[in-house]
Amino acid sequence: MPLDPDFAAALENHSVELDESVAEQLQAYALAMWRWNEQLNLTRHTTWDLFVGRDLRDCLQLAPILDPAEEVLDLGSGNGIPGIPLAILRRDIDVSLAESVAKRASVLGEIIAELDLPVPVYSARGEDLLTDFRFSSLVCRAVGSITKLCRWIEPHWSSVDRMLLIKGPKWVEERSEARHHGLMGNLQLRKIASYPLGDDAEEDQGAIVQIWPKSRELPMKIS
C-alpha cells in the first residue's frame, strides 16, 4: 500500500524517518483504527498530524528503551497505543495487549488479525492477567496517575520487572502526590526520557518514567 501523501507530509513535518515497510504498516494500523472508530469511540486523533505528532511520537520515544526479547504488556491498551506501534517498530520484542473492556479488546483482536501481527490480546483486568503471566515491562499511556498505578502494582511486583509510564508535564506533581501518600518508600522512580510536546523545545515536555522496586537491580537505558 503506497503511503498517503498526508501521512508522508506529517512524518516529514515532525522529522520522523521510518523504513518504508514500517511506515506502511503503521499507516495500515491507523486506517484500521479510524475505521473502527466510527463504531466504537477509540480515539480523538483522527488526522495524520495528530497521529504522528502525538500517538506515534510517544511510541517512538518508548521503543528505544526496551531491550531485545523483552516481554511487554500494554496495560489498558484502549486503541492499541502504545502496544501495536511498538510491535511494528520493534519486531525483536514480544508485545501483549490487556484491555478489560470486552468490546475494545475484540476490536483490538480484529485489528491485530488484519495487520497479521504476533500480538495476543487479553480481555482481562491486569491483576487477573498477572496472576498467570510474567512480563519484563509493563507500559501504560493515559491509564492513571502514578499514585493509582503504584497502588495497583504493589501486590504484583513479582510478575513485573518495571513499569514504563508515558507521561505529560504533570508527572512531577504526580510523583509528589505518590510520595505524599507513602507509596514510593520501597520504589525507585527515574525519568529516563524527555521530549517536547510541541514544535518549540521550550514548551511543556513529555516524559517516560520508569518505576521499579528498590530491592531490584535494574539496568536502565537513558535516552
N, C-alpha and C. Protein backbone atom coordinates (compact mmCIF):
# COMPACT_ATOMS: atom_id res chain seq x y z
N MET A 1 0.84 -1.19 0.00
CA MET A 1 0.00 0.00 0.00
C MET A 1 0.88 1.25 0.00
N PRO A 2 0.76 2.10 -1.01
CA PRO A 2 1.58 3.33 -1.03
C PRO A 2 1.20 4.24 0.12
N LEU A 3 2.14 5.05 0.54
CA LEU A 3 1.87 5.96 1.65
C LEU A 3 0.93 7.07 1.22
N ASP A 4 -0.04 7.35 2.08
CA ASP A 4 -0.91 8.51 1.88
C ASP A 4 -0.03 9.76 1.89
N PRO A 5 -0.19 10.64 0.90
CA PRO A 5 0.65 11.85 0.87
C PRO A 5 0.55 12.68 2.15
N ASP A 6 -0.63 12.69 2.77
CA ASP A 6 -0.79 13.44 4.02
C ASP A 6 -0.01 12.79 5.16
N PHE A 7 0.06 11.46 5.16
CA PHE A 7 0.85 10.76 6.17
C PHE A 7 2.33 11.05 5.95
N ALA A 8 2.77 10.96 4.72
CA ALA A 8 4.16 11.26 4.40
C ALA A 8 4.52 12.69 4.80
N ALA A 9 3.60 13.62 4.55
CA ALA A 9 3.85 15.01 4.91
C ALA A 9 3.93 15.19 6.43
N ALA A 10 3.05 14.48 7.15
CA ALA A 10 3.08 14.57 8.61
C ALA A 10 4.38 14.02 9.17
N LEU A 11 4.86 12.90 8.62
CA LEU A 11 6.14 12.35 9.05
C LEU A 11 7.26 13.35 8.81
N GLU A 12 7.25 13.98 7.66
CA GLU A 12 8.29 14.96 7.35
C GLU A 12 8.18 16.18 8.26
N ASN A 13 6.97 16.65 8.49
CA ASN A 13 6.78 17.84 9.33
C ASN A 13 7.26 17.60 10.75
N HIS A 14 7.16 16.36 11.22
CA HIS A 14 7.58 16.04 12.58
C HIS A 14 8.97 15.40 12.62
N SER A 15 9.67 15.47 11.49
CA SER A 15 11.06 14.96 11.38
C SER A 15 11.17 13.50 11.80
N VAL A 16 10.21 12.69 11.36
CA VAL A 16 10.20 11.26 11.64
C VAL A 16 10.63 10.50 10.39
N GLU A 17 11.69 9.73 10.52
CA GLU A 17 12.16 8.91 9.41
C GLU A 17 11.94 7.44 9.75
N LEU A 18 11.26 6.73 8.86
CA LEU A 18 10.94 5.32 9.07
C LEU A 18 11.24 4.52 7.82
N ASP A 19 11.59 3.25 8.00
CA ASP A 19 11.68 2.36 6.85
C ASP A 19 10.32 2.31 6.18
N GLU A 20 10.34 2.14 4.88
CA GLU A 20 9.09 2.17 4.12
C GLU A 20 8.10 1.11 4.60
N SER A 21 8.60 -0.09 4.85
CA SER A 21 7.70 -1.17 5.27
C SER A 21 7.08 -0.88 6.63
N VAL A 22 7.86 -0.26 7.54
CA VAL A 22 7.34 0.10 8.86
C VAL A 22 6.28 1.19 8.71
N ALA A 23 6.58 2.19 7.90
CA ALA A 23 5.62 3.27 7.69
C ALA A 23 4.32 2.74 7.09
N GLU A 24 4.42 1.83 6.17
CA GLU A 24 3.22 1.26 5.55
C GLU A 24 2.37 0.50 6.56
N GLN A 25 3.02 -0.21 7.47
CA GLN A 25 2.24 -0.97 8.45
C GLN A 25 1.63 -0.04 9.51
N LEU A 26 2.35 1.00 9.88
CA LEU A 26 1.77 1.99 10.80
C LEU A 26 0.58 2.69 10.15
N GLN A 27 0.69 2.95 8.86
CA GLN A 27 -0.43 3.54 8.15
C GLN A 27 -1.63 2.59 8.16
N ALA A 28 -1.38 1.32 7.90
CA ALA A 28 -2.47 0.34 7.90
C ALA A 28 -3.14 0.28 9.27
N TYR A 29 -2.33 0.36 10.33
CA TYR A 29 -2.87 0.36 11.69
C TYR A 29 -3.77 1.56 11.91
N ALA A 30 -3.28 2.75 11.57
CA ALA A 30 -4.07 3.97 11.79
C ALA A 30 -5.38 3.92 11.01
N LEU A 31 -5.34 3.47 9.77
CA LEU A 31 -6.55 3.40 8.96
C LEU A 31 -7.56 2.41 9.55
N ALA A 32 -7.06 1.27 10.03
CA ALA A 32 -7.95 0.29 10.66
C ALA A 32 -8.56 0.87 11.94
N MET A 33 -7.74 1.55 12.74
CA MET A 33 -8.24 2.15 13.98
C MET A 33 -9.31 3.19 13.68
N TRP A 34 -9.07 4.03 12.69
CA TRP A 34 -10.04 5.06 12.36
C TRP A 34 -11.33 4.45 11.80
N ARG A 35 -11.21 3.38 11.06
CA ARG A 35 -12.40 2.72 10.53
C ARG A 35 -13.27 2.18 11.67
N TRP A 36 -12.63 1.52 12.64
CA TRP A 36 -13.37 1.01 13.80
C TRP A 36 -13.86 2.14 14.69
N ASN A 37 -13.21 3.27 14.63
CA ASN A 37 -13.59 4.42 15.45
C ASN A 37 -14.99 4.92 15.10
N GLU A 38 -15.44 4.62 13.91
CA GLU A 38 -16.79 5.02 13.50
C GLU A 38 -17.85 4.24 14.27
N GLN A 39 -17.49 3.06 14.77
CA GLN A 39 -18.43 2.23 15.52
C GLN A 39 -18.21 2.28 17.02
N LEU A 40 -16.98 2.49 17.42
CA LEU A 40 -16.62 2.46 18.83
C LEU A 40 -15.61 3.57 19.09
N ASN A 41 -15.88 4.37 20.09
CA ASN A 41 -15.01 5.52 20.36
C ASN A 41 -13.64 5.05 20.83
N LEU A 42 -12.65 5.13 19.93
CA LEU A 42 -11.30 4.69 20.25
C LEU A 42 -10.31 5.84 20.39
N THR A 43 -10.50 6.90 19.61
CA THR A 43 -9.52 7.98 19.59
C THR A 43 -10.13 9.27 19.09
N ARG A 44 -9.56 10.38 19.56
CA ARG A 44 -9.92 11.70 19.01
C ARG A 44 -8.88 12.16 17.99
N HIS A 45 -7.81 11.39 17.87
CA HIS A 45 -6.72 11.76 16.96
C HIS A 45 -6.98 11.14 15.59
N THR A 46 -7.78 11.82 14.80
CA THR A 46 -8.23 11.24 13.53
C THR A 46 -7.65 11.97 12.32
N THR A 47 -6.51 12.62 12.50
CA THR A 47 -5.77 13.20 11.37
C THR A 47 -4.35 12.66 11.41
N TRP A 48 -3.69 12.69 10.27
CA TRP A 48 -2.32 12.20 10.23
C TRP A 48 -1.40 13.03 11.11
N ASP A 49 -1.65 14.34 11.19
CA ASP A 49 -0.78 15.18 12.01
C ASP A 49 -0.90 14.80 13.48
N LEU A 50 -2.12 14.55 13.95
CA LEU A 50 -2.30 14.15 15.35
C LEU A 50 -1.75 12.75 15.60
N PHE A 51 -1.94 11.85 14.66
CA PHE A 51 -1.42 10.50 14.82
C PHE A 51 0.10 10.51 14.95
N VAL A 52 0.76 11.25 14.07
CA VAL A 52 2.23 11.30 14.10
C VAL A 52 2.72 12.14 15.27
N GLY A 53 2.11 13.33 15.44
CA GLY A 53 2.63 14.28 16.42
C GLY A 53 2.31 13.94 17.86
N ARG A 54 1.35 13.04 18.09
CA ARG A 54 1.00 12.67 19.46
C ARG A 54 1.16 11.17 19.69
N ASP A 55 0.41 10.37 18.95
CA ASP A 55 0.43 8.94 19.21
C ASP A 55 1.78 8.32 18.84
N LEU A 56 2.20 8.50 17.60
CA LEU A 56 3.45 7.90 17.16
C LEU A 56 4.65 8.51 17.87
N ARG A 57 4.58 9.80 18.16
CA ARG A 57 5.67 10.47 18.90
C ARG A 57 5.97 9.75 20.21
N ASP A 58 4.94 9.45 20.98
CA ASP A 58 5.15 8.78 22.26
C ASP A 58 5.76 7.39 22.07
N CYS A 59 5.27 6.67 21.07
CA CYS A 59 5.77 5.31 20.81
C CYS A 59 7.23 5.33 20.37
N LEU A 60 7.60 6.32 19.59
CA LEU A 60 8.98 6.43 19.13
C LEU A 60 9.93 6.76 20.27
N GLN A 61 9.44 7.44 21.30
CA GLN A 61 10.26 7.72 22.48
C GLN A 61 10.42 6.48 23.34
N LEU A 62 9.38 5.66 23.40
CA LEU A 62 9.39 4.47 24.25
C LEU A 62 10.18 3.32 23.62
N ALA A 63 10.08 3.18 22.32
CA ALA A 63 10.64 2.00 21.63
C ALA A 63 12.12 1.76 21.92
N PRO A 64 13.00 2.78 21.89
CA PRO A 64 14.43 2.52 22.10
C PRO A 64 14.78 2.09 23.53
N ILE A 65 13.89 2.31 24.46
CA ILE A 65 14.16 2.00 25.87
C ILE A 65 14.05 0.50 26.13
N LEU A 66 13.28 -0.18 25.31
CA LEU A 66 13.05 -1.61 25.51
C LEU A 66 14.21 -2.44 24.98
N ASP A 67 14.56 -3.48 25.73
CA ASP A 67 15.66 -4.36 25.36
C ASP A 67 15.18 -5.47 24.43
N PRO A 68 16.06 -6.01 23.60
CA PRO A 68 15.68 -7.13 22.74
C PRO A 68 15.12 -8.29 23.57
N ALA A 69 14.10 -8.93 23.02
CA ALA A 69 13.47 -10.11 23.63
C ALA A 69 12.66 -9.78 24.87
N GLU A 70 12.46 -8.51 25.18
CA GLU A 70 11.60 -8.18 26.32
C GLU A 70 10.17 -8.66 26.08
N GLU A 71 9.53 -9.07 27.16
CA GLU A 71 8.12 -9.40 27.14
C GLU A 71 7.36 -8.21 27.74
N VAL A 72 6.59 -7.55 26.90
CA VAL A 72 5.99 -6.27 27.25
C VAL A 72 4.47 -6.40 27.29
N LEU A 73 3.87 -5.86 28.34
CA LEU A 73 2.41 -5.81 28.46
C LEU A 73 1.95 -4.37 28.38
N ASP A 74 1.11 -4.08 27.40
CA ASP A 74 0.46 -2.78 27.30
C ASP A 74 -0.81 -2.84 28.13
N LEU A 75 -0.78 -2.20 29.30
CA LEU A 75 -1.89 -2.27 30.24
C LEU A 75 -2.94 -1.22 29.91
N GLY A 76 -4.19 -1.64 29.80
CA GLY A 76 -5.26 -0.71 29.45
C GLY A 76 -5.05 -0.17 28.06
N SER A 77 -4.88 -1.07 27.10
CA SER A 77 -4.42 -0.69 25.77
C SER A 77 -5.37 0.24 25.03
N GLY A 78 -6.66 0.12 25.26
CA GLY A 78 -7.61 1.05 24.65
C GLY A 78 -7.68 0.92 23.15
N ASN A 79 -7.01 1.83 22.44
CA ASN A 79 -7.00 1.78 20.98
C ASN A 79 -5.74 1.11 20.42
N GLY A 80 -4.94 0.51 21.32
CA GLY A 80 -3.75 -0.19 20.86
C GLY A 80 -2.46 0.58 20.96
N ILE A 81 -2.52 1.78 21.50
CA ILE A 81 -1.31 2.60 21.66
C ILE A 81 -0.91 2.60 23.13
N PRO A 82 0.34 2.28 23.42
CA PRO A 82 1.49 2.16 22.52
C PRO A 82 1.76 0.75 21.98
N GLY A 83 1.00 -0.26 22.41
CA GLY A 83 1.38 -1.64 22.15
C GLY A 83 1.52 -2.01 20.68
N ILE A 84 0.52 -1.65 19.86
CA ILE A 84 0.57 -2.06 18.45
C ILE A 84 1.71 -1.36 17.70
N PRO A 85 1.86 -0.03 17.81
CA PRO A 85 3.03 0.57 17.16
C PRO A 85 4.36 0.01 17.66
N LEU A 86 4.45 -0.32 18.96
CA LEU A 86 5.69 -0.92 19.47
C LEU A 86 5.97 -2.25 18.78
N ALA A 87 4.92 -3.05 18.58
CA ALA A 87 5.10 -4.35 17.91
C ALA A 87 5.55 -4.17 16.47
N ILE A 88 5.16 -3.07 15.84
CA ILE A 88 5.58 -2.78 14.46
C ILE A 88 6.99 -2.22 14.43
N LEU A 89 7.30 -1.33 15.36
CA LEU A 89 8.62 -0.69 15.39
C LEU A 89 9.71 -1.62 15.88
N ARG A 90 9.37 -2.54 16.79
CA ARG A 90 10.36 -3.41 17.42
C ARG A 90 9.93 -4.87 17.26
N ARG A 91 10.28 -5.47 16.15
CA ARG A 91 9.92 -6.87 15.89
C ARG A 91 10.69 -7.83 16.78
N ASP A 92 11.69 -7.31 17.52
CA ASP A 92 12.53 -8.17 18.36
C ASP A 92 12.02 -8.27 19.79
N ILE A 93 10.84 -7.71 20.08
CA ILE A 93 10.26 -7.84 21.42
C ILE A 93 8.91 -8.53 21.30
N ASP A 94 8.44 -9.05 22.43
CA ASP A 94 7.13 -9.71 22.49
C ASP A 94 6.15 -8.77 23.19
N VAL A 95 5.13 -8.36 22.46
CA VAL A 95 4.14 -7.42 23.00
C VAL A 95 2.81 -8.12 23.19
N SER A 96 2.17 -7.87 24.32
CA SER A 96 0.81 -8.33 24.59
C SER A 96 -0.04 -7.12 24.97
N LEU A 97 -1.32 -7.19 24.66
CA LEU A 97 -2.25 -6.12 25.00
C LEU A 97 -3.24 -6.61 26.04
N ALA A 98 -3.52 -5.77 27.03
CA ALA A 98 -4.54 -6.08 28.04
C ALA A 98 -5.57 -4.97 28.01
N GLU A 99 -6.82 -5.33 27.75
CA GLU A 99 -7.92 -4.36 27.72
C GLU A 99 -9.14 -5.00 28.36
N SER A 100 -9.57 -4.42 29.48
CA SER A 100 -10.65 -5.03 30.26
C SER A 100 -12.03 -4.80 29.66
N VAL A 101 -12.18 -3.79 28.79
CA VAL A 101 -13.46 -3.54 28.13
C VAL A 101 -13.58 -4.51 26.96
N ALA A 102 -14.55 -5.41 27.04
CA ALA A 102 -14.62 -6.52 26.08
C ALA A 102 -14.76 -6.05 24.64
N LYS A 103 -15.56 -5.03 24.38
CA LYS A 103 -15.75 -4.56 23.01
C LYS A 103 -14.45 -4.02 22.43
N ARG A 104 -13.71 -3.27 23.23
CA ARG A 104 -12.43 -2.75 22.75
C ARG A 104 -11.43 -3.88 22.53
N ALA A 105 -11.39 -4.83 23.43
CA ALA A 105 -10.49 -5.97 23.26
C ALA A 105 -10.81 -6.73 21.98
N SER A 106 -12.09 -6.89 21.68
CA SER A 106 -12.50 -7.57 20.45
C SER A 106 -12.03 -6.82 19.22
N VAL A 107 -12.18 -5.50 19.24
CA VAL A 107 -11.73 -4.67 18.11
C VAL A 107 -10.21 -4.76 17.96
N LEU A 108 -9.50 -4.71 19.08
CA LEU A 108 -8.04 -4.84 19.01
C LEU A 108 -7.65 -6.17 18.36
N GLY A 109 -8.37 -7.22 18.71
CA GLY A 109 -8.10 -8.52 18.09
C GLY A 109 -8.32 -8.49 16.60
N GLU A 110 -9.36 -7.79 16.16
CA GLU A 110 -9.63 -7.67 14.72
C GLU A 110 -8.51 -6.89 14.02
N ILE A 111 -8.07 -5.81 14.64
CA ILE A 111 -7.00 -5.00 14.03
C ILE A 111 -5.70 -5.81 13.96
N ILE A 112 -5.38 -6.51 15.04
CA ILE A 112 -4.17 -7.33 15.06
C ILE A 112 -4.21 -8.40 13.97
N ALA A 113 -5.37 -9.02 13.80
CA ALA A 113 -5.51 -10.05 12.76
C ALA A 113 -5.34 -9.44 11.38
N GLU A 114 -5.90 -8.25 11.16
CA GLU A 114 -5.77 -7.57 9.87
C GLU A 114 -4.32 -7.23 9.56
N LEU A 115 -3.57 -6.85 10.59
CA LEU A 115 -2.17 -6.48 10.41
C LEU A 115 -1.24 -7.69 10.41
N ASP A 116 -1.77 -8.86 10.79
CA ASP A 116 -1.00 -10.10 10.86
C ASP A 116 0.20 -9.95 11.79
N LEU A 117 -0.07 -9.43 12.99
CA LEU A 117 0.97 -9.25 13.99
C LEU A 117 0.88 -10.36 15.04
N PRO A 118 2.01 -10.83 15.56
CA PRO A 118 2.00 -11.87 16.59
C PRO A 118 1.80 -11.27 17.98
N VAL A 119 0.65 -10.66 18.19
CA VAL A 119 0.38 -9.93 19.43
C VAL A 119 -0.91 -10.46 20.06
N PRO A 120 -0.81 -11.16 21.20
CA PRO A 120 -2.03 -11.61 21.87
C PRO A 120 -2.76 -10.45 22.53
N VAL A 121 -4.08 -10.54 22.51
CA VAL A 121 -4.94 -9.54 23.15
C VAL A 121 -5.73 -10.24 24.26
N TYR A 122 -5.61 -9.73 25.48
CA TYR A 122 -6.31 -10.33 26.61
C TYR A 122 -7.44 -9.40 27.05
N SER A 123 -8.65 -9.93 27.02
CA SER A 123 -9.79 -9.19 27.54
C SER A 123 -9.88 -9.49 29.03
N ALA A 124 -9.06 -8.79 29.80
CA ALA A 124 -8.93 -9.13 31.22
C ALA A 124 -8.40 -7.92 31.98
N ARG A 125 -8.70 -7.91 33.27
CA ARG A 125 -8.09 -6.93 34.16
C ARG A 125 -6.64 -7.29 34.39
N GLY A 126 -5.82 -6.28 34.58
CA GLY A 126 -4.40 -6.51 34.72
C GLY A 126 -4.04 -7.41 35.88
N GLU A 127 -4.73 -7.23 37.01
CA GLU A 127 -4.41 -8.04 38.19
C GLU A 127 -4.70 -9.52 37.95
N ASP A 128 -5.74 -9.80 37.15
CA ASP A 128 -6.04 -11.20 36.84
C ASP A 128 -5.00 -11.78 35.90
N LEU A 129 -4.55 -10.97 34.97
CA LEU A 129 -3.55 -11.42 33.99
C LEU A 129 -2.21 -11.71 34.67
N LEU A 130 -1.82 -10.86 35.60
CA LEU A 130 -0.52 -11.02 36.25
C LEU A 130 -0.50 -12.17 37.24
N THR A 131 -1.64 -12.73 37.51
CA THR A 131 -1.68 -13.94 38.33
C THR A 131 -1.11 -15.13 37.56
N ASP A 132 -1.27 -15.12 36.25
CA ASP A 132 -0.88 -16.26 35.41
C ASP A 132 0.34 -16.01 34.54
N PHE A 133 0.70 -14.74 34.31
CA PHE A 133 1.78 -14.42 33.38
C PHE A 133 2.80 -13.50 34.04
N ARG A 134 4.01 -13.48 33.47
CA ARG A 134 5.05 -12.57 33.94
C ARG A 134 5.58 -11.77 32.75
N PHE A 135 5.89 -10.50 32.98
CA PHE A 135 6.36 -9.62 31.92
C PHE A 135 7.60 -8.85 32.38
N SER A 136 8.46 -8.54 31.42
CA SER A 136 9.63 -7.72 31.73
C SER A 136 9.22 -6.29 32.04
N SER A 137 8.42 -5.72 31.14
CA SER A 137 7.99 -4.33 31.30
C SER A 137 6.50 -4.20 31.13
N LEU A 138 5.91 -3.41 31.99
CA LEU A 138 4.51 -3.06 31.87
C LEU A 138 4.46 -1.61 31.41
N VAL A 139 3.85 -1.34 30.25
CA VAL A 139 3.81 0.01 29.70
C VAL A 139 2.40 0.56 29.80
N CYS A 140 2.30 1.85 30.12
CA CYS A 140 0.99 2.49 30.32
C CYS A 140 1.01 3.87 29.69
N ARG A 141 -0.09 4.19 29.05
CA ARG A 141 -0.29 5.54 28.50
C ARG A 141 -1.74 5.95 28.77
N ALA A 142 -1.90 7.04 29.49
CA ALA A 142 -3.23 7.58 29.78
C ALA A 142 -4.11 6.57 30.51
N VAL A 143 -3.53 5.82 31.43
CA VAL A 143 -4.28 4.83 32.20
C VAL A 143 -4.63 5.36 33.58
N GLY A 144 -3.71 6.09 34.20
CA GLY A 144 -3.98 6.61 35.53
C GLY A 144 -2.77 7.35 36.07
N SER A 145 -2.93 7.95 37.23
CA SER A 145 -1.85 8.69 37.87
C SER A 145 -0.80 7.74 38.42
N ILE A 146 0.36 8.29 38.77
CA ILE A 146 1.41 7.48 39.39
C ILE A 146 0.91 6.88 40.69
N THR A 147 0.14 7.65 41.45
CA THR A 147 -0.43 7.13 42.70
C THR A 147 -1.31 5.92 42.42
N LYS A 148 -2.21 6.05 41.47
CA LYS A 148 -3.12 4.96 41.14
C LYS A 148 -2.35 3.71 40.69
N LEU A 149 -1.37 3.90 39.82
CA LEU A 149 -0.64 2.76 39.28
C LEU A 149 0.25 2.11 40.33
N CYS A 150 0.85 2.90 41.22
CA CYS A 150 1.69 2.32 42.27
C CYS A 150 0.84 1.50 43.25
N ARG A 151 -0.33 2.00 43.56
CA ARG A 151 -1.23 1.24 44.43
C ARG A 151 -1.64 -0.07 43.76
N TRP A 152 -1.92 0.02 42.48
CA TRP A 152 -2.39 -1.16 41.76
C TRP A 152 -1.30 -2.23 41.64
N ILE A 153 -0.07 -1.79 41.34
CA ILE A 153 1.01 -2.75 41.06
C ILE A 153 1.59 -3.35 42.33
N GLU A 154 1.36 -2.74 43.48
CA GLU A 154 2.03 -3.15 44.72
C GLU A 154 1.98 -4.67 44.98
N PRO A 155 0.82 -5.34 44.80
CA PRO A 155 0.81 -6.79 45.07
C PRO A 155 1.37 -7.64 43.93
N HIS A 156 1.78 -6.99 42.82
CA HIS A 156 2.10 -7.76 41.62
C HIS A 156 3.54 -7.61 41.15
N TRP A 157 4.42 -7.06 41.99
CA TRP A 157 5.79 -6.82 41.53
C TRP A 157 6.53 -8.12 41.22
N SER A 158 6.10 -9.22 41.76
CA SER A 158 6.75 -10.50 41.43
C SER A 158 6.49 -10.90 39.98
N SER A 159 5.52 -10.27 39.34
CA SER A 159 5.16 -10.61 37.96
C SER A 159 5.65 -9.60 36.94
N VAL A 160 6.30 -8.52 37.40
CA VAL A 160 6.74 -7.44 36.51
C VAL A 160 8.10 -6.93 36.98
N ASP A 161 9.02 -6.70 36.04
CA ASP A 161 10.32 -6.13 36.41
C ASP A 161 10.22 -4.63 36.64
N ARG A 162 9.48 -3.94 35.77
CA ARG A 162 9.40 -2.49 35.85
C ARG A 162 8.13 -1.99 35.18
N MET A 163 7.72 -0.77 35.55
CA MET A 163 6.69 -0.04 34.83
C MET A 163 7.34 1.08 34.04
N LEU A 164 6.89 1.28 32.81
CA LEU A 164 7.30 2.40 31.98
C LEU A 164 6.05 3.21 31.65
N LEU A 165 5.99 4.42 32.18
CA LEU A 165 4.80 5.24 32.06
C LEU A 165 5.06 6.40 31.11
N ILE A 166 4.18 6.56 30.13
CA ILE A 166 4.24 7.71 29.23
C ILE A 166 3.45 8.83 29.89
N LYS A 167 4.13 9.93 30.19
CA LYS A 167 3.52 10.99 30.98
C LYS A 167 3.71 12.36 30.33
N GLY A 168 2.78 13.25 30.64
CA GLY A 168 2.91 14.65 30.28
C GLY A 168 3.65 15.41 31.36
N PRO A 169 3.68 16.74 31.27
CA PRO A 169 4.47 17.54 32.22
C PRO A 169 4.00 17.46 33.67
N LYS A 170 2.79 16.99 33.92
CA LYS A 170 2.29 16.90 35.29
C LYS A 170 2.83 15.70 36.04
N TRP A 171 3.76 14.94 35.41
CA TRP A 171 4.28 13.75 36.10
C TRP A 171 5.00 14.13 37.39
N VAL A 172 5.60 15.31 37.42
CA VAL A 172 6.32 15.75 38.63
C VAL A 172 5.32 15.92 39.79
N GLU A 173 4.16 16.53 39.49
CA GLU A 173 3.13 16.66 40.52
C GLU A 173 2.61 15.29 40.95
N GLU A 174 2.47 14.38 39.99
CA GLU A 174 2.01 13.03 40.32
C GLU A 174 3.02 12.31 41.21
N ARG A 175 4.29 12.51 40.94
CA ARG A 175 5.33 11.90 41.79
C ARG A 175 5.23 12.44 43.22
N SER A 176 5.03 13.74 43.36
CA SER A 176 4.90 14.33 44.69
C SER A 176 3.69 13.78 45.42
N GLU A 177 2.60 13.60 44.68
CA GLU A 177 1.39 13.05 45.29
C GLU A 177 1.63 11.62 45.77
N ALA A 178 2.32 10.82 44.94
CA ALA A 178 2.61 9.43 45.33
C ALA A 178 3.50 9.39 46.57
N ARG A 179 4.48 10.28 46.64
CA ARG A 179 5.35 10.36 47.82
C ARG A 179 4.54 10.77 49.04
N HIS A 180 3.63 11.72 48.87
CA HIS A 180 2.79 12.20 49.98
C HIS A 180 1.97 11.05 50.56
N HIS A 181 1.54 10.16 49.72
CA HIS A 181 0.73 9.03 50.17
C HIS A 181 1.59 7.84 50.63
N GLY A 182 2.89 8.02 50.67
CA GLY A 182 3.79 6.99 51.18
C GLY A 182 3.95 5.79 50.27
N LEU A 183 3.77 6.01 48.95
CA LEU A 183 3.81 4.89 48.02
C LEU A 183 5.18 4.65 47.41
N MET A 184 6.13 5.55 47.64
CA MET A 184 7.42 5.43 46.99
C MET A 184 8.51 4.90 47.91
N GLY A 185 8.15 4.54 49.13
CA GLY A 185 9.16 4.12 50.10
C GLY A 185 9.99 2.94 49.64
N ASN A 186 9.37 1.99 48.97
CA ASN A 186 10.08 0.79 48.52
C ASN A 186 10.33 0.78 47.02
N LEU A 187 10.11 1.95 46.38
CA LEU A 187 10.22 2.01 44.93
C LEU A 187 11.24 3.05 44.51
N GLN A 188 11.83 2.82 43.35
CA GLN A 188 12.67 3.82 42.69
C GLN A 188 11.91 4.36 41.49
N LEU A 189 12.07 5.67 41.26
CA LEU A 189 11.44 6.31 40.11
C LEU A 189 12.48 7.15 39.41
N ARG A 190 12.56 7.00 38.11
CA ARG A 190 13.53 7.77 37.33
C ARG A 190 12.92 8.18 35.99
N LYS A 191 13.06 9.45 35.65
CA LYS A 191 12.71 9.89 34.30
C LYS A 191 13.83 9.45 33.38
N ILE A 192 13.54 8.62 32.39
CA ILE A 192 14.60 8.10 31.53
C ILE A 192 14.50 8.62 30.10
N ALA A 193 13.50 9.44 29.81
CA ALA A 193 13.43 10.12 28.51
C ALA A 193 12.55 11.34 28.66
N SER A 194 12.87 12.40 27.95
CA SER A 194 12.00 13.57 27.90
C SER A 194 12.03 14.13 26.48
N TYR A 195 10.96 14.77 26.10
CA TYR A 195 10.85 15.25 24.71
C TYR A 195 9.79 16.35 24.65
N PRO A 196 9.96 17.30 23.72
CA PRO A 196 8.99 18.39 23.62
C PRO A 196 7.66 17.88 23.09
N LEU A 197 6.59 18.47 23.59
CA LEU A 197 5.25 18.10 23.15
C LEU A 197 4.76 18.99 22.01
N GLY A 198 5.58 19.95 21.63
CA GLY A 198 5.24 20.83 20.51
C GLY A 198 6.47 21.12 19.69
N ASP A 199 6.33 22.05 18.76
CA ASP A 199 7.46 22.38 17.88
C ASP A 199 8.56 23.13 18.62
N ASP A 200 8.20 23.83 19.66
CA ASP A 200 9.16 24.61 20.43
C ASP A 200 9.71 23.77 21.57
N ALA A 201 11.03 23.57 21.58
CA ALA A 201 11.66 22.73 22.61
C ALA A 201 11.49 23.31 24.00
N GLU A 202 11.13 24.61 24.10
CA GLU A 202 10.94 25.22 25.41
C GLU A 202 9.54 24.99 25.96
N GLU A 203 8.67 24.39 25.16
CA GLU A 203 7.31 24.14 25.62
C GLU A 203 7.30 22.99 26.62
N ASP A 204 6.11 22.62 27.07
CA ASP A 204 5.97 21.51 28.01
C ASP A 204 6.61 20.24 27.46
N GLN A 205 7.18 19.48 28.36
CA GLN A 205 7.89 18.27 27.98
C GLN A 205 7.11 17.02 28.35
N GLY A 206 7.10 16.05 27.45
CA GLY A 206 6.63 14.72 27.78
C GLY A 206 7.76 13.94 28.41
N ALA A 207 7.42 12.83 29.05
CA ALA A 207 8.44 12.04 29.74
C ALA A 207 8.09 10.57 29.72
N ILE A 208 9.13 9.74 29.72
CA ILE A 208 8.99 8.31 30.01
C ILE A 208 9.54 8.11 31.42
N VAL A 209 8.68 7.65 32.32
CA VAL A 209 9.05 7.48 33.72
C VAL A 209 9.13 5.99 34.02
N GLN A 210 10.24 5.59 34.60
CA GLN A 210 10.45 4.18 34.96
C GLN A 210 10.32 4.02 36.48
N ILE A 211 9.56 3.01 36.91
CA ILE A 211 9.38 2.71 38.33
C ILE A 211 9.68 1.24 38.55
N TRP A 212 10.45 0.95 39.61
CA TRP A 212 10.80 -0.44 39.92
C TRP A 212 11.16 -0.55 41.39
N PRO A 213 11.12 -1.74 41.97
CA PRO A 213 11.40 -1.91 43.40
C PRO A 213 12.85 -1.59 43.74
N LYS A 214 13.07 -0.98 44.89
CA LYS A 214 14.43 -0.67 45.33
C LYS A 214 15.26 -1.93 45.55
N SER A 215 14.60 -3.01 45.85
CA SER A 215 15.31 -4.27 46.12
C SER A 215 15.84 -4.93 44.85
N ARG A 216 15.52 -4.35 43.69
CA ARG A 216 15.83 -4.99 42.41
C ARG A 216 16.82 -4.15 41.63
N GLU A 217 17.95 -4.76 41.27
CA GLU A 217 18.91 -4.08 40.40
C GLU A 217 18.36 -4.12 38.98
N LEU A 218 18.29 -2.96 38.36
CA LEU A 218 17.69 -2.90 37.03
C LEU A 218 18.52 -1.98 36.14
N PRO A 219 19.12 -2.49 35.09
CA PRO A 219 19.85 -1.61 34.16
C PRO A 219 18.85 -0.70 33.44
N MET A 220 19.25 0.53 33.27
CA MET A 220 18.35 1.49 32.66
C MET A 220 18.99 2.13 31.44
N LYS A 221 18.25 2.22 30.37
CA LYS A 221 18.70 2.97 29.22
C LYS A 221 18.28 4.42 29.39
N ILE A 222 19.21 5.31 29.20
CA ILE A 222 18.91 6.74 29.29
C ILE A 222 18.98 7.30 27.88
N SER A 223 17.85 7.82 27.40
CA SER A 223 17.84 8.34 26.03
C SER A 223 17.89 9.87 26.06
